[in-house]
Every structure is written in structure tokens, then in C-alpha cells.
Amino acid sequence: MIKLLYILKKEFLLIVRDVHAVTILFVMPAVFILIMTLAMKDLFELHSSVVIDILTVNHDAGKRPVALLKAMEEHSTFRFHLIAKDTATESVKEQMLSRDYKFALIIKKNFSTFVNKKGKGKDENPLELLVNPTVPVQTQLVLKSTLDGELSKLRWDAFIGRIDKLLAFAGIDKKDLKANKLSPIDVQYVYKGGQYFKMPSAVQQSVPAWIVFSMFFIVIPISNTFISERDQGTFMRLKSMNVSSPYAAAPLLLLEIR
């Protein structure tokens, strides 16, 4: 046991006197852990709440686009950033790339017409979605399906408004026919053993694992000292002298440092 203590003392003295050893044994593993944590950050963020920033141009002067954007932001997943309504498509693409936006939404002039009644002609689609090629397909589908759903709700509510008098004549309350904002699907999470479970963050997942790995950088030089002592037998020869253990271990420490 005393041999282990003196070996550890010798290693710490070597580290204190050697700046390069400190860099290799401590700073480099810390940098390695930081890099791996940042590399895995995006992967673990998929399990947490994510806000998608969308660059938005509204060419329609009606109230329908405002209602669409308000309904989309109620999902707490999308955040729209409006720019000048006279911005051309090419300029939107440039701003999208320069400001590092993954999506850009262009609301065309015929949006209100499309919602209030069925659009006609080649310019029927009232929305144009610009997507950065680096965005995963799953994220694109989430945004596109949400836009489709909210647009369908707006068109249905507009249809109910057009037949308001007919519904009143038939004795039907139009409030019962309007699209419900609340989802009819109840989502529940199933935890193993009935215990609460939370996905770890990138730091919680990476740091403990890579700390164990980085310990090998410290264990290797210490193990080399044990092997050197076993081959040379310096400590055993000193103990064979007629001196106490502390006095025998002190020369060993000096010899190892030299």
C-alpha cells in the first residue's frame, strides 16, 4: 500500500514539473469530451422541445394570412419572422442563406381568395415553402403537414361562414361545425416500471462515458511505473536494508523522478 502511495506522489510531482504532461493527461481529454458533447448535441435535441425559425413573406393584404401564422405559432414549435412584403423570391433565398434559416414561407397574393373559395388556374397554390437542403426530410414533413392542417381548418371555417344563413335556416349551430383546435388524440408516455424517465442531455450522456475513457490516459503512465518497479526491484532492495519503510521509499521516489 505504501508503495502505491509513493508511486502516486511521484506521478503528481512529475505532472506538476512537466507542463506538457498536464496538457496531455488533463487538457486534451477535457477538449475531447467537449468536442464529443457538441457533436452529439443535435442528436439529443431531437428528444427535447425544438423551435423552428421560419423566414416569412406575406404578399396578401387580407386577414387570412395573419390567422394562419397565429394558428401555427400556437403549436409552440414554429416561430415566424416577417420581412418586407415586397421582397422578391430571389432576395428571400439570399436572406435565408445569409441569416442561416432552414425554412422560408412565401404567402402569395391569392391566399385569401384560395381560403374563401376554391382557387383556379396554374397559380392555385397559395403557399410556397423554401427548404434548406440540409434539413432532414422528417422535419420538412412536420412543417408541411402542419401547414396543410391549418390551411384546411381555415378553408373549412370560411366555408361554414359562407353557408351561415343556410345553417341558421336548418337550425344548425355553426359553432358545432367549426374545426376544433384541440386534438382528439390523447398522448401518454409509457415508462418502464412505472417510473419517471427523462432523456439525458448530450452533456449527461457524454461526460461520464468519456471521463472513464480518458482515465486510461492517466492509468497508462502509472502502470508503466509499476512494471518498471517490478523489473528493477528497486523498492524491494531498499526494503532489504536495515532501514524503516519511509526511509526506504524516499530514495525510490528520488530515483524514479530522476
Protein backbone atom coordinates (compact mmCIF):
# COMPACT_ATOMS: atom_id res chain seq x y z
CA MET A 1 0.00 0.00 0.00
CA ILE A 2 2.82 2.38 0.87
CA LYS A 3 4.42 1.65 -2.49
CA LEU A 4 1.24 2.73 -4.26
CA LEU A 5 1.14 5.98 -2.28
CA TYR A 6 4.70 6.88 -3.15
CA ILE A 7 4.18 5.98 -6.80
CA LEU A 8 1.16 8.30 -6.90
CA LYS A 9 3.18 11.02 -5.21
CA LYS A 10 5.93 10.61 -7.75
CA GLU A 11 3.45 10.83 -10.65
CA PHE A 12 1.92 14.02 -9.32
CA LEU A 13 5.35 15.58 -8.85
CA LEU A 14 6.21 14.69 -12.44
CA ILE A 15 2.97 16.21 -13.67
CA VAL A 16 3.50 19.44 -11.73
CA ARG A 17 7.01 19.82 -13.13
CA ASP A 18 6.03 18.93 -16.72
CA VAL A 19 3.57 21.29 -18.41
CA HIS A 20 3.31 19.08 -21.47
CA ALA A 21 2.25 16.13 -19.33
CA VAL A 22 -0.53 18.23 -17.80
CA THR A 23 -1.71 19.15 -21.29
CA ILE A 24 -1.75 15.57 -22.49
CA LEU A 25 -3.26 13.99 -19.38
CA PHE A 26 -5.91 16.55 -18.47
CA VAL A 27 -6.46 19.29 -21.06
CA MET A 28 -6.66 17.02 -24.12
CA PRO A 29 -9.27 14.66 -22.57
CA ALA A 30 -11.30 17.69 -21.48
CA VAL A 31 -11.20 19.10 -25.03
CA PHE A 32 -12.11 15.68 -26.39
CA ILE A 33 -15.14 15.43 -24.08
CA LEU A 34 -16.25 18.95 -25.09
CA ILE A 35 -15.99 18.14 -28.80
CA MET A 36 -17.91 14.87 -28.46
CA THR A 37 -20.62 16.57 -26.40
CA LEU A 38 -21.11 19.29 -29.02
CA ALA A 39 -21.10 16.69 -31.80
CA MET A 40 -23.93 14.76 -30.13
CA LYS A 41 -25.91 17.85 -29.14
CA ASP A 42 -28.15 17.86 -32.21
CA LEU A 43 -28.92 14.15 -31.80
CA PHE A 44 -30.15 14.56 -28.23
CA GLU A 45 -32.08 17.75 -29.04
CA LEU A 46 -34.45 15.60 -31.11
CA HIS A 47 -35.91 14.35 -27.80
CA SER A 48 -36.48 17.84 -26.42
CA SER A 49 -38.68 20.72 -27.47
CA VAL A 50 -37.41 22.34 -30.65
CA VAL A 51 -38.35 25.74 -32.08
CA ILE A 52 -38.18 26.07 -35.86
CA ASP A 53 -37.48 29.61 -37.10
CA ILE A 54 -39.13 30.40 -40.43
CA LEU A 55 -38.44 33.44 -42.59
CA THR A 56 -41.82 34.68 -43.83
CA VAL A 57 -43.02 36.99 -46.62
CA ASN A 58 -46.70 37.91 -46.75
CA HIS A 59 -47.85 39.22 -50.15
CA ASP A 60 -51.53 39.02 -49.16
CA ALA A 61 -53.12 42.09 -47.58
CA GLY A 62 -56.07 40.20 -46.08
CA LYS A 63 -56.64 38.83 -42.59
CA ARG A 64 -56.37 35.15 -43.54
CA PRO A 65 -52.54 35.01 -43.56
CA VAL A 66 -52.44 36.57 -40.09
CA ALA A 67 -54.87 33.92 -38.86
CA LEU A 68 -52.70 31.18 -40.38
CA LEU A 69 -49.49 32.42 -38.75
CA LYS A 70 -51.22 32.86 -35.41
CA ALA A 71 -52.61 29.32 -35.55
CA MET A 72 -49.18 27.94 -36.47
CA GLU A 73 -47.42 29.72 -33.60
CA GLU A 74 -49.92 28.25 -31.14
CA HIS A 75 -48.15 24.92 -31.65
CA SER A 76 -45.10 26.39 -29.81
CA THR A 77 -42.86 24.70 -32.37
CA PHE A 78 -42.77 27.31 -35.12
CA ARG A 79 -41.61 30.91 -34.93
CA PHE A 80 -42.21 33.17 -37.94
CA HIS A 81 -40.02 36.17 -38.77
CA LEU A 82 -41.76 38.57 -41.15
CA ILE A 83 -39.80 40.64 -43.63
CA ALA A 84 -40.93 43.30 -46.13
CA LYS A 85 -43.92 42.14 -48.16
CA ASP A 86 -42.44 43.42 -51.43
CA THR A 87 -39.34 41.19 -51.08
CA ALA A 88 -38.73 39.16 -54.23
CA THR A 89 -38.25 35.39 -54.13
CA GLU A 90 -34.57 35.58 -55.05
CA SER A 91 -33.98 38.08 -52.27
CA VAL A 92 -35.78 35.78 -49.83
CA LYS A 93 -33.44 32.94 -50.81
CA GLU A 94 -30.40 35.15 -50.26
CA GLN A 95 -31.60 36.26 -46.83
CA MET A 96 -32.47 32.70 -45.95
CA LEU A 97 -28.90 31.55 -46.61
CA SER A 98 -27.15 34.61 -45.17
CA ARG A 99 -29.20 34.56 -41.94
CA ASP A 100 -28.98 30.75 -41.65
CA TYR A 101 -32.71 29.99 -41.78
CA LYS A 102 -33.72 26.43 -42.56
CA PHE A 103 -37.15 27.39 -43.94
CA ALA A 104 -38.75 30.33 -45.70
CA LEU A 105 -42.50 30.67 -46.24
CA ILE A 106 -43.91 32.82 -49.06
CA ILE A 107 -47.63 33.66 -48.75
CA LYS A 108 -48.85 34.59 -52.21
CA LYS A 109 -51.37 37.28 -53.15
CA ASN A 110 -54.14 34.75 -53.84
CA PHE A 111 -54.07 33.28 -50.32
CA SER A 112 -57.29 34.91 -49.10
CA THR A 113 -59.02 34.04 -52.38
CA PHE A 114 -57.91 30.43 -52.05
CA VAL A 115 -59.22 30.20 -48.48
CA ASN A 116 -62.54 31.92 -49.14
CA LYS A 117 -63.29 29.91 -52.25
CA LYS A 118 -61.60 27.28 -54.39
CA GLY A 119 -58.71 28.69 -56.36
CA LYS A 120 -58.38 28.17 -60.08
CA GLY A 121 -55.59 28.30 -62.62
CA LYS A 122 -51.89 27.47 -62.53
CA ASP A 123 -51.27 29.83 -59.60
CA GLU A 124 -53.66 27.94 -57.37
CA ASN A 125 -51.18 27.01 -54.64
CA PRO A 126 -51.24 29.93 -52.20
CA LEU A 127 -48.10 28.96 -50.26
CA GLU A 128 -44.51 28.37 -51.31
CA LEU A 129 -42.10 26.71 -48.89
CA LEU A 130 -38.36 27.16 -49.38
CA VAL A 131 -36.26 24.50 -47.67
CA ASN A 132 -32.55 24.32 -46.93
CA PRO A 133 -31.18 21.05 -48.42
CA THR A 134 -29.51 20.18 -45.10
CA VAL A 135 -32.86 19.87 -43.29
CA PRO A 136 -33.94 16.25 -42.59
CA VAL A 137 -36.97 15.03 -44.50
CA GLN A 138 -38.81 14.29 -41.24
CA THR A 139 -38.59 17.95 -40.19
CA GLN A 140 -39.85 19.08 -43.58
CA LEU A 141 -42.85 16.74 -43.31
CA VAL A 142 -43.71 18.05 -39.84
CA LEU A 143 -43.85 21.65 -41.08
CA LYS A 144 -45.64 20.79 -44.32
CA SER A 145 -48.28 18.64 -42.63
CA THR A 146 -48.94 21.32 -40.01
CA LEU A 147 -49.36 23.96 -42.72
CA ASP A 148 -51.74 21.65 -44.61
CA GLY A 149 -53.78 21.05 -41.47
CA GLU A 150 -54.10 24.72 -40.52
CA LEU A 151 -54.90 25.70 -44.11
CA SER A 152 -57.64 23.07 -44.23
CA LYS A 153 -59.12 24.44 -40.99
CA LEU A 154 -59.17 27.97 -42.42
CA ARG A 155 -60.89 26.82 -45.60
CA TRP A 156 -63.46 24.82 -43.62
CA ASP A 157 -64.24 27.77 -41.34
CA ALA A 158 -64.58 30.01 -44.42
CA PHE A 159 -66.99 27.51 -45.96
CA ILE A 160 -69.07 27.44 -42.78
CA GLY A 161 -69.18 31.23 -42.89
CA ARG A 162 -70.47 31.22 -46.48
CA ILE A 163 -73.39 28.90 -45.64
CA ASP A 164 -74.19 30.68 -42.40
CA LYS A 165 -77.73 31.60 -43.46
CA LEU A 166 -78.47 28.09 -44.70
CA LEU A 167 -77.32 26.61 -41.38
CA ALA A 168 -79.47 29.09 -39.45
CA PHE A 169 -82.48 28.14 -41.59
CA ALA A 170 -81.82 24.43 -40.88
CA GLY A 171 -81.43 25.09 -37.14
CA ILE A 172 -77.76 24.03 -37.01
CA ASP A 173 -75.34 25.88 -34.78
CA LYS A 174 -72.28 26.73 -36.87
CA LYS A 175 -70.06 26.59 -33.77
CA ASP A 176 -70.58 22.83 -33.68
CA LEU A 177 -69.23 22.52 -37.24
CA LYS A 178 -66.15 24.69 -36.90
CA ALA A 179 -62.78 22.96 -36.70
CA ASN A 180 -61.73 22.16 -33.16
CA LYS A 181 -58.30 23.50 -32.23
CA LEU A 182 -57.79 20.79 -29.63
CA SER A 183 -56.54 17.43 -30.85
CA PRO A 184 -58.85 14.46 -30.19
CA ILE A 185 -55.80 12.25 -29.62
CA ASP A 186 -54.65 11.76 -26.04
CA VAL A 187 -50.90 11.10 -25.90
CA GLN A 188 -49.49 9.26 -22.87
CA TYR A 189 -45.92 8.15 -22.26
CA VAL A 190 -45.22 4.64 -21.02
CA TYR A 191 -42.33 4.47 -18.56
CA LYS A 192 -40.56 1.28 -17.64
CA GLY A 193 -41.62 0.03 -14.21
CA GLY A 194 -43.96 3.00 -13.84
CA GLN A 195 -41.00 5.24 -13.02
CA TYR A 196 -40.44 8.69 -14.42
CA PHE A 197 -37.96 8.70 -17.28
CA LYS A 198 -36.27 11.65 -18.92
CA MET A 199 -33.95 11.59 -21.90
CA PRO A 200 -30.44 12.68 -20.86
CA SER A 201 -28.86 15.69 -22.44
CA ALA A 202 -25.70 15.49 -24.53
CA VAL A 203 -23.63 16.55 -21.50
CA GLN A 204 -25.24 13.99 -19.15
CA GLN A 205 -24.73 11.23 -21.70
CA SER A 206 -21.23 12.05 -22.95
CA VAL A 207 -19.27 13.36 -19.98
CA PRO A 208 -19.48 10.26 -17.69
CA ALA A 209 -18.74 7.90 -20.58
CA TRP A 210 -15.74 9.80 -21.92
CA ILE A 211 -14.35 10.52 -18.45
CA VAL A 212 -13.96 6.77 -17.97
CA PHE A 213 -12.26 6.59 -21.34
CA SER A 214 -9.93 9.50 -20.54
CA MET A 215 -8.86 7.79 -17.31
CA PHE A 216 -6.81 5.45 -19.47
CA PHE A 217 -4.52 8.38 -20.31
CA ILE A 218 -3.67 8.61 -16.60
CA VAL A 219 -3.65 4.90 -15.80
CA ILE A 220 -1.15 4.02 -18.56
CA PRO A 221 1.83 6.02 -17.19
CA ILE A 222 1.11 4.83 -13.64
CA SER A 223 1.00 1.21 -14.84
CA ASN A 224 4.36 1.74 -16.57
CA THR A 225 5.81 2.75 -13.21
CA PHE A 226 4.54 -0.49 -11.63
CA ILE A 227 6.08 -2.54 -14.45
CA SER A 228 9.39 -0.67 -14.17
CA GLU A 229 9.47 -1.26 -10.41
CA ARG A 230 8.69 -4.95 -10.86
CA ASP A 231 11.55 -5.38 -13.37
CA GLN A 232 14.14 -3.38 -11.43
CA GLY A 233 13.12 -4.40 -7.90
CA THR A 234 14.42 -1.11 -6.51
CA PHE A 235 11.89 -0.88 -3.71
CA MET A 236 12.46 -4.49 -2.60
CA ARG A 237 16.24 -3.97 -2.50
CA LEU A 238 15.83 -0.85 -0.41
CA LYS A 239 13.49 -2.65 1.99
CA SER A 240 16.13 -5.37 2.47
CA MET A 241 18.36 -2.75 4.04
CA ASN A 242 18.21 -2.22 7.75
CA VAL A 243 16.03 0.94 7.49
CA SER A 244 12.34 1.68 8.04
CA SER A 245 9.85 1.76 5.16
CA PRO A 246 9.56 5.57 4.87
CA TYR A 247 13.34 5.89 4.63
CA ALA A 248 13.43 3.09 2.06
CA ALA A 249 10.70 4.63 -0.06
CA ALA A 250 12.26 8.10 -0.15
CA PRO A 251 15.31 7.05 -2.24
CA LEU A 252 12.95 5.16 -4.54
CA LEU A 253 10.98 8.35 -5.11
CA LEU A 254 14.15 10.26 -5.93
CA LEU A 255 15.39 7.57 -8.28
CA GLU A 256 12.08 7.40 -10.15
CA ILE A 257 11.93 11.17 -10.56
CA ARG A 258 15.43 11.26 -11.96
